[in-house]
Amino acid sequence: MNAATARLAFACLAAACAGPVAAQTYPERNVKLVVSFAPGGPTDVGARIIGAALQEKWGKPVIVENRGGAGGNIGTVAVARAEPDGYTILVTTSAFSINLTYNANPGYAASELRPAALVATTPNIIVGSPALKANTLPEALELARKGEFAYASAGAGTAPHLSAERVFKLISKLDVRHAPFTGASPAMVAVSGNHVQFGVVAMTPAIELVKAGKLKGFAVTSAKRSAELPDVPTVKETGVGDIDDATWVALFVPEKTPQAIVAKINADVNDLLKQPAIVQQISRAGLDPLGGSLPEIEAYVASETKKWAEVINATGARAEDAK
């Protein structure tokens, strides 16, 4: 073997071993979780629960950084462009799948990121301002037929936004204006402060406000009621329509992240989701823990991308229409 051949063989061997070796020592420094929405929503809450648990498990700081805006696209694009070494992880929602169809130019392609872990799912909830003279979803929709109403969401291109479009426009044939915010928490502030009549968000930021009477809980978009708000009916139970929509929370990494590191993140998050204390924290936030292997979650995200594309095409919702 000549010198050139030897160098080539060594280089190939080094490349083949790099992934497993990196996984054995990963993480060696701070890990950043980039949350694609504002603080207080399900993405942020899920990130902070998992981030704190991973920090304890890994023995390295796990830092949560909120980069909300553009329906989750700002944070998503930032991670797609990050170094693919496992130290910058995206925490986002169904918006990842939705924006691929909803936005003509989301700034990223599905192939630029890959799911590493599926944390949880949660129903979307339709809430009303405490000043609204309605106590059920049908009553609220009847009021909306007689005036100019608007609904707040965590941002254009999110699952709650499309759930609202289905209920208000596709099913009820109402022209209720969309008022997008940078996250679910500021959206709920607007509704509880009577600045907007309706709000449609993932459940987490609405739970305590509904319990305290600061928001009216009209319906959840899931097939069954939430254990955290058992008195709030499903949309189907109200007689308005038969839908089963949810918002999921997942971890993504840049596509070229070594497979061994992605597998480690997946295994460690799945392990955390089996721990009773973590499950209790997630459940109290109105989230249902999920988990799953890498092939399972890749298939799930692909199926969600297809599903929401069908909803977008049916409702006619597009990012350019929200400008």
Protein backbone atom coordinates (compact mmCIF):
# COMPACT_ATOMS: atom_id res chain seq x y z
CA MET A 1 0.00 0.00 0.00
CA ASN A 2 1.49 3.33 -1.03
CA ALA A 3 1.33 6.48 1.09
CA ALA A 4 -1.60 8.03 -0.82
CA THR A 5 -3.70 4.88 -0.51
CA ALA A 6 -2.88 4.62 3.17
CA ARG A 7 -3.95 8.23 3.79
CA LEU A 8 -7.24 7.62 1.95
CA ALA A 9 -7.94 4.45 3.94
CA PHE A 10 -7.23 6.27 7.21
CA ALA A 11 -9.52 9.15 6.23
CA CYS A 12 -12.38 6.74 5.41
CA LEU A 13 -11.88 4.88 8.69
CA ALA A 14 -11.85 8.14 10.64
CA ALA A 15 -15.09 9.29 8.99
CA ALA A 16 -16.78 5.96 9.72
CA CYS A 17 -15.79 6.11 13.37
CA ALA A 18 -16.53 9.78 13.93
CA GLY A 19 -20.25 9.33 14.57
CA PRO A 20 -20.06 6.57 17.21
CA VAL A 21 -17.12 8.23 18.96
CA ALA A 22 -18.94 11.57 19.04
CA ALA A 23 -22.04 9.90 20.52
CA GLN A 24 -19.99 8.25 23.27
CA THR A 25 -18.77 11.63 24.51
CA TYR A 26 -21.85 13.72 23.59
CA PRO A 27 -22.55 16.21 24.99
CA GLU A 28 -19.21 17.68 26.00
CA ARG A 29 -20.49 21.26 26.39
CA ASN A 30 -23.64 23.38 26.58
CA VAL A 31 -26.60 22.29 24.45
CA LYS A 32 -29.02 24.94 23.18
CA LEU A 33 -32.72 24.26 22.69
CA VAL A 34 -34.12 26.83 20.25
CA VAL A 35 -37.86 27.21 20.92
CA SER A 36 -39.64 28.52 17.84
CA PHE A 37 -42.37 30.33 19.85
CA ALA A 38 -42.65 32.86 22.67
CA PRO A 39 -42.44 31.82 26.35
CA GLY A 40 -45.49 30.35 28.03
CA GLY A 41 -46.88 28.17 25.24
CA PRO A 42 -46.75 24.36 24.92
CA THR A 43 -43.50 24.42 22.93
CA ASP A 44 -41.77 26.49 25.58
CA VAL A 45 -43.19 24.52 28.51
CA GLY A 46 -42.30 21.19 26.90
CA ALA A 47 -38.79 22.43 26.10
CA ARG A 48 -38.18 23.56 29.66
CA ILE A 49 -39.39 20.31 31.20
CA ILE A 50 -37.32 18.16 28.85
CA GLY A 51 -34.39 20.60 28.92
CA ALA A 52 -34.13 20.49 32.73
CA ALA A 53 -34.33 16.69 32.72
CA LEU A 54 -31.70 16.35 29.97
CA GLN A 55 -29.41 18.72 31.85
CA GLU A 56 -29.58 16.45 34.87
CA LYS A 57 -29.13 13.34 32.75
CA TRP A 58 -26.23 14.70 30.71
CA GLY A 59 -24.48 16.70 33.39
CA LYS A 60 -24.10 19.63 30.99
CA PRO A 61 -26.08 22.90 30.80
CA VAL A 62 -29.11 22.78 28.50
CA ILE A 63 -30.10 26.34 27.63
CA VAL A 64 -33.53 27.29 26.31
CA GLU A 65 -33.61 30.17 23.83
CA ASN A 66 -36.93 31.50 22.54
CA ARG A 67 -36.88 32.64 18.92
CA GLY A 68 -40.55 33.18 18.10
CA GLY A 69 -42.09 34.77 15.05
CA ALA A 70 -43.39 33.94 11.56
CA GLY A 71 -45.44 31.00 12.84
CA GLY A 72 -42.32 29.24 14.11
CA ASN A 73 -40.27 29.80 10.96
CA ILE A 74 -37.63 32.12 12.46
CA GLY A 75 -36.40 29.56 14.98
CA THR A 76 -36.73 26.72 12.49
CA VAL A 77 -34.59 28.46 9.87
CA ALA A 78 -31.97 29.34 12.49
CA VAL A 79 -31.52 25.68 13.45
CA ALA A 80 -31.57 24.50 9.83
CA ARG A 81 -28.55 26.77 9.27
CA ALA A 82 -26.76 25.76 12.50
CA GLU A 83 -23.73 23.50 12.78
CA PRO A 84 -24.97 19.87 12.55
CA ASP A 85 -23.21 18.70 15.69
CA GLY A 86 -26.11 18.10 18.11
CA TYR A 87 -25.47 21.24 20.15
CA THR A 88 -28.29 23.28 18.59
CA ILE A 89 -31.67 21.55 18.75
CA LEU A 90 -34.97 22.91 17.53
CA VAL A 91 -38.09 22.55 19.67
CA THR A 92 -41.13 23.21 17.53
CA THR A 93 -44.67 22.09 16.83
CA SER A 94 -46.95 20.95 14.04
CA ALA A 95 -46.09 24.33 12.49
CA PHE A 96 -42.98 22.62 11.06
CA SER A 97 -45.20 20.44 8.86
CA ILE A 98 -47.87 23.06 8.22
CA ASN A 99 -45.58 25.80 6.95
CA LEU A 100 -44.15 23.58 4.24
CA THR A 101 -47.50 23.99 2.43
CA TYR A 102 -48.98 27.07 4.09
CA ASN A 103 -46.02 29.30 3.25
CA ALA A 104 -44.81 29.50 -0.32
CA ASN A 105 -41.31 30.26 1.01
CA PRO A 106 -40.94 29.11 4.65
CA GLY A 107 -37.16 29.55 4.46
CA TYR A 108 -36.40 25.86 4.99
CA ALA A 109 -37.04 22.52 3.30
CA ALA A 110 -38.20 19.38 5.07
CA SER A 111 -34.93 17.72 4.05
CA GLU A 112 -32.85 20.27 5.98
CA LEU A 113 -34.03 19.06 9.39
CA ARG A 114 -34.84 15.66 10.83
CA PRO A 115 -36.94 14.78 13.89
CA ALA A 116 -34.94 13.47 16.84
CA ALA A 117 -37.69 13.03 19.42
CA LEU A 118 -41.45 13.39 19.72
CA VAL A 119 -42.19 14.85 23.14
CA ALA A 120 -45.95 15.26 23.41
CA THR A 121 -49.23 16.23 21.83
CA THR A 122 -52.05 18.43 23.08
CA PRO A 123 -55.54 19.37 21.89
CA ASN A 124 -56.18 22.83 20.57
CA ILE A 125 -58.80 24.76 22.52
CA ILE A 126 -61.30 27.40 21.44
CA VAL A 127 -61.73 30.02 24.15
CA GLY A 128 -63.66 33.25 24.46
CA SER A 129 -63.28 36.61 26.14
CA PRO A 130 -64.90 36.78 29.61
CA ALA A 131 -66.98 39.70 28.28
CA LEU A 132 -68.49 37.58 25.50
CA LYS A 133 -72.20 36.99 26.11
CA ALA A 134 -72.06 33.31 25.21
CA ASN A 135 -71.35 30.16 27.23
CA THR A 136 -71.21 27.53 24.49
CA LEU A 137 -69.52 27.28 21.12
CA PRO A 138 -72.82 27.37 19.15
CA GLU A 139 -73.87 30.52 21.08
CA ALA A 140 -70.52 32.15 20.38
CA LEU A 141 -70.71 31.32 16.68
CA GLU A 142 -74.21 32.79 16.53
CA LEU A 143 -72.87 36.06 17.99
CA ALA A 144 -70.09 36.04 15.40
CA ARG A 145 -72.69 35.92 12.62
CA LYS A 146 -74.01 39.27 13.79
CA GLY A 147 -70.81 41.27 14.23
CA GLU A 148 -67.15 41.71 13.32
CA PHE A 149 -65.26 39.14 15.36
CA ALA A 150 -61.60 38.10 15.47
CA TYR A 151 -59.63 35.24 16.99
CA ALA A 152 -56.10 35.25 18.40
CA SER A 153 -53.60 32.45 17.76
CA ALA A 154 -49.95 31.66 18.46
CA GLY A 155 -49.14 32.62 14.88
CA ALA A 156 -50.11 32.11 11.26
CA GLY A 157 -49.34 28.61 10.07
CA THR A 158 -49.82 26.88 13.43
CA ALA A 159 -52.15 23.94 14.10
CA PRO A 160 -54.54 26.09 16.22
CA HIS A 161 -54.73 28.62 13.37
CA LEU A 162 -55.83 25.92 10.93
CA SER A 163 -58.20 24.37 13.49
CA ALA A 164 -59.83 27.79 13.77
CA GLU A 165 -60.07 28.14 10.01
CA ARG A 166 -61.81 24.76 9.84
CA VAL A 167 -64.32 25.60 12.59
CA PHE A 168 -65.05 29.24 11.74
CA LYS A 169 -64.77 29.32 7.97
CA LEU A 170 -64.95 25.81 6.51
CA ILE A 171 -67.62 24.36 8.84
CA SER A 172 -69.52 27.43 10.13
CA LYS A 173 -69.11 29.61 7.02
CA LEU A 174 -68.14 32.64 9.13
CA ASP A 175 -65.73 35.42 8.27
CA VAL A 176 -63.88 35.66 11.60
CA ARG A 177 -60.65 37.64 11.24
CA HIS A 178 -57.35 36.06 12.27
CA ALA A 179 -55.14 37.99 14.73
CA PRO A 180 -51.78 36.14 14.89
CA PHE A 181 -49.38 36.67 17.81
CA THR A 182 -45.77 35.51 18.37
CA GLY A 183 -46.90 32.82 20.79
CA ALA A 184 -49.87 31.32 22.62
CA SER A 185 -49.25 33.17 25.89
CA PRO A 186 -49.51 36.71 24.42
CA ALA A 187 -52.55 35.55 22.42
CA MET A 188 -54.28 34.52 25.66
CA VAL A 189 -53.44 37.87 27.26
CA ALA A 190 -55.25 39.58 24.39
CA VAL A 191 -58.36 37.42 24.78
CA SER A 192 -58.53 37.56 28.59
CA GLY A 193 -58.11 41.34 28.34
CA ASN A 194 -61.14 41.56 26.01
CA HIS A 195 -59.05 42.88 23.10
CA VAL A 196 -60.07 39.93 20.91
CA GLN A 197 -63.30 37.93 21.15
CA PHE A 198 -61.90 34.43 20.50
CA GLY A 199 -58.64 32.58 20.95
CA VAL A 200 -57.57 29.24 19.49
CA VAL A 201 -54.37 27.84 20.94
CA ALA A 202 -52.80 24.61 22.16
CA MET A 203 -54.13 23.99 25.66
CA THR A 204 -51.14 24.74 27.90
CA PRO A 205 -51.42 28.55 28.30
CA ALA A 206 -55.22 28.43 28.55
CA ILE A 207 -55.68 25.86 31.32
CA GLU A 208 -55.28 28.04 34.41
CA LEU A 209 -57.06 30.99 32.79
CA VAL A 210 -60.11 28.84 32.03
CA LYS A 211 -60.08 27.35 35.53
CA ALA A 212 -59.91 30.86 37.01
CA GLY A 213 -62.78 32.13 34.86
CA LYS A 214 -60.55 34.58 32.99
CA LEU A 215 -61.34 32.79 29.73
CA LYS A 216 -64.42 30.91 28.60
CA GLY A 217 -63.58 27.40 27.44
CA PHE A 218 -65.85 26.63 24.51
CA ALA A 219 -64.42 23.42 23.05
CA VAL A 220 -61.32 21.30 22.48
CA THR A 221 -60.50 20.08 18.97
CA SER A 222 -59.54 16.54 20.01
CA ALA A 223 -61.68 13.40 19.75
CA LYS A 224 -62.01 13.23 23.54
CA ARG A 225 -62.05 15.72 26.40
CA SER A 226 -58.89 16.76 28.21
CA ALA A 227 -58.30 15.47 31.74
CA GLU A 228 -57.06 18.94 32.70
CA LEU A 229 -60.31 20.63 31.62
CA PRO A 230 -62.91 17.86 31.84
CA ASP A 231 -65.86 20.29 31.72
CA VAL A 232 -64.86 21.65 28.29
CA PRO A 233 -66.60 19.62 25.54
CA THR A 234 -65.11 18.52 22.25
CA VAL A 235 -66.11 20.35 19.08
CA LYS A 236 -68.02 17.22 18.05
CA GLU A 237 -69.95 17.19 21.33
CA THR A 238 -71.10 20.76 20.75
CA GLY A 239 -72.68 19.66 17.47
CA VAL A 240 -70.60 22.07 15.41
CA GLY A 241 -68.48 19.53 13.53
CA ASP A 242 -66.43 16.35 13.71
CA ILE A 243 -62.73 17.23 13.89
CA ASP A 244 -59.72 15.73 15.65
CA ASP A 245 -56.82 18.21 15.57
CA ALA A 246 -53.86 18.44 17.90
CA THR A 247 -50.58 20.29 18.31
CA TRP A 248 -47.46 18.17 18.75
CA VAL A 249 -44.12 19.17 20.24
CA ALA A 250 -40.94 17.65 18.85
CA LEU A 251 -37.16 18.04 18.76
CA PHE A 252 -35.44 18.47 15.40
CA VAL A 253 -31.75 18.67 14.45
CA PRO A 254 -29.96 19.75 11.25
CA GLU A 255 -30.13 16.97 8.66
CA LYS A 256 -26.38 16.24 8.63
CA THR A 257 -26.15 15.67 12.39
CA PRO A 258 -24.34 12.33 12.95
CA GLN A 259 -26.78 9.42 13.19
CA ALA A 260 -25.28 8.22 16.47
CA ILE A 261 -25.95 11.59 18.13
CA VAL A 262 -29.52 11.72 16.81
CA ALA A 263 -30.06 8.19 18.14
CA LYS A 264 -28.71 9.20 21.54
CA ILE A 265 -31.01 12.24 21.77
CA ASN A 266 -33.94 10.02 20.78
CA ALA A 267 -33.09 7.30 23.31
CA ASP A 268 -32.50 9.75 26.15
CA VAL A 269 -35.74 11.66 25.57
CA ASN A 270 -37.68 8.40 25.29
CA ASP A 271 -36.16 7.30 28.60
CA LEU A 272 -37.26 10.55 30.25
CA LEU A 273 -40.80 10.11 28.93
CA LYS A 274 -41.04 6.84 30.87
CA GLN A 275 -40.21 8.48 34.20
CA PRO A 276 -43.31 9.12 36.37
CA ALA A 277 -42.10 12.52 37.60
CA ILE A 278 -41.54 13.79 34.03
CA VAL A 279 -44.84 12.34 32.83
CA GLN A 280 -46.62 14.11 35.70
CA GLN A 281 -45.04 17.47 34.82
CA ILE A 282 -45.95 17.12 31.16
CA SER A 283 -49.50 15.98 31.92
CA ARG A 284 -50.12 18.89 34.30
CA ALA A 285 -49.26 21.24 31.43
CA GLY A 286 -52.07 19.72 29.36
CA LEU A 287 -49.67 17.68 27.23
CA ASP A 288 -49.82 13.94 26.52
CA PRO A 289 -46.33 12.34 26.51
CA LEU A 290 -45.53 10.45 23.31
CA GLY A 291 -42.03 9.29 22.40
CA GLY A 292 -41.19 6.79 19.68
CA SER A 293 -38.28 5.41 17.67
CA LEU A 294 -36.63 7.44 14.92
CA PRO A 295 -38.43 5.57 12.10
CA GLU A 296 -41.75 5.98 13.93
CA ILE A 297 -41.45 9.70 14.45
CA GLU A 298 -40.16 10.29 10.92
CA ALA A 299 -43.26 8.50 9.62
CA TYR A 300 -45.48 10.49 12.00
CA VAL A 301 -44.10 13.86 10.88
CA ALA A 302 -44.47 12.82 7.23
CA SER A 303 -48.11 11.82 7.81
CA GLU A 304 -48.81 15.11 9.62
CA THR A 305 -47.26 17.06 6.74
CA LYS A 306 -49.63 15.30 4.34
CA LYS A 307 -52.66 15.78 6.62
CA TRP A 308 -52.14 19.51 7.12
CA ALA A 309 -51.48 20.03 3.42
CA GLU A 310 -54.96 18.60 2.79
CA VAL A 311 -56.48 20.91 5.43
CA ILE A 312 -54.70 23.96 3.96
CA ASN A 313 -55.94 23.12 0.49
CA ALA A 314 -59.49 22.61 1.80
CA THR A 315 -59.59 25.89 3.77
CA GLY A 316 -57.66 27.91 1.22
CA ALA A 317 -55.47 29.36 3.99
CA ARG A 318 -52.16 30.73 2.73
CA ALA A 319 -49.42 32.86 4.28
CA GLU A 320 -49.70 35.50 1.56
CA ASP A 321 -53.36 35.99 2.52
CA ALA A 322 -52.38 36.87 6.09
CA LYS A 323 -50.16 39.79 5.07
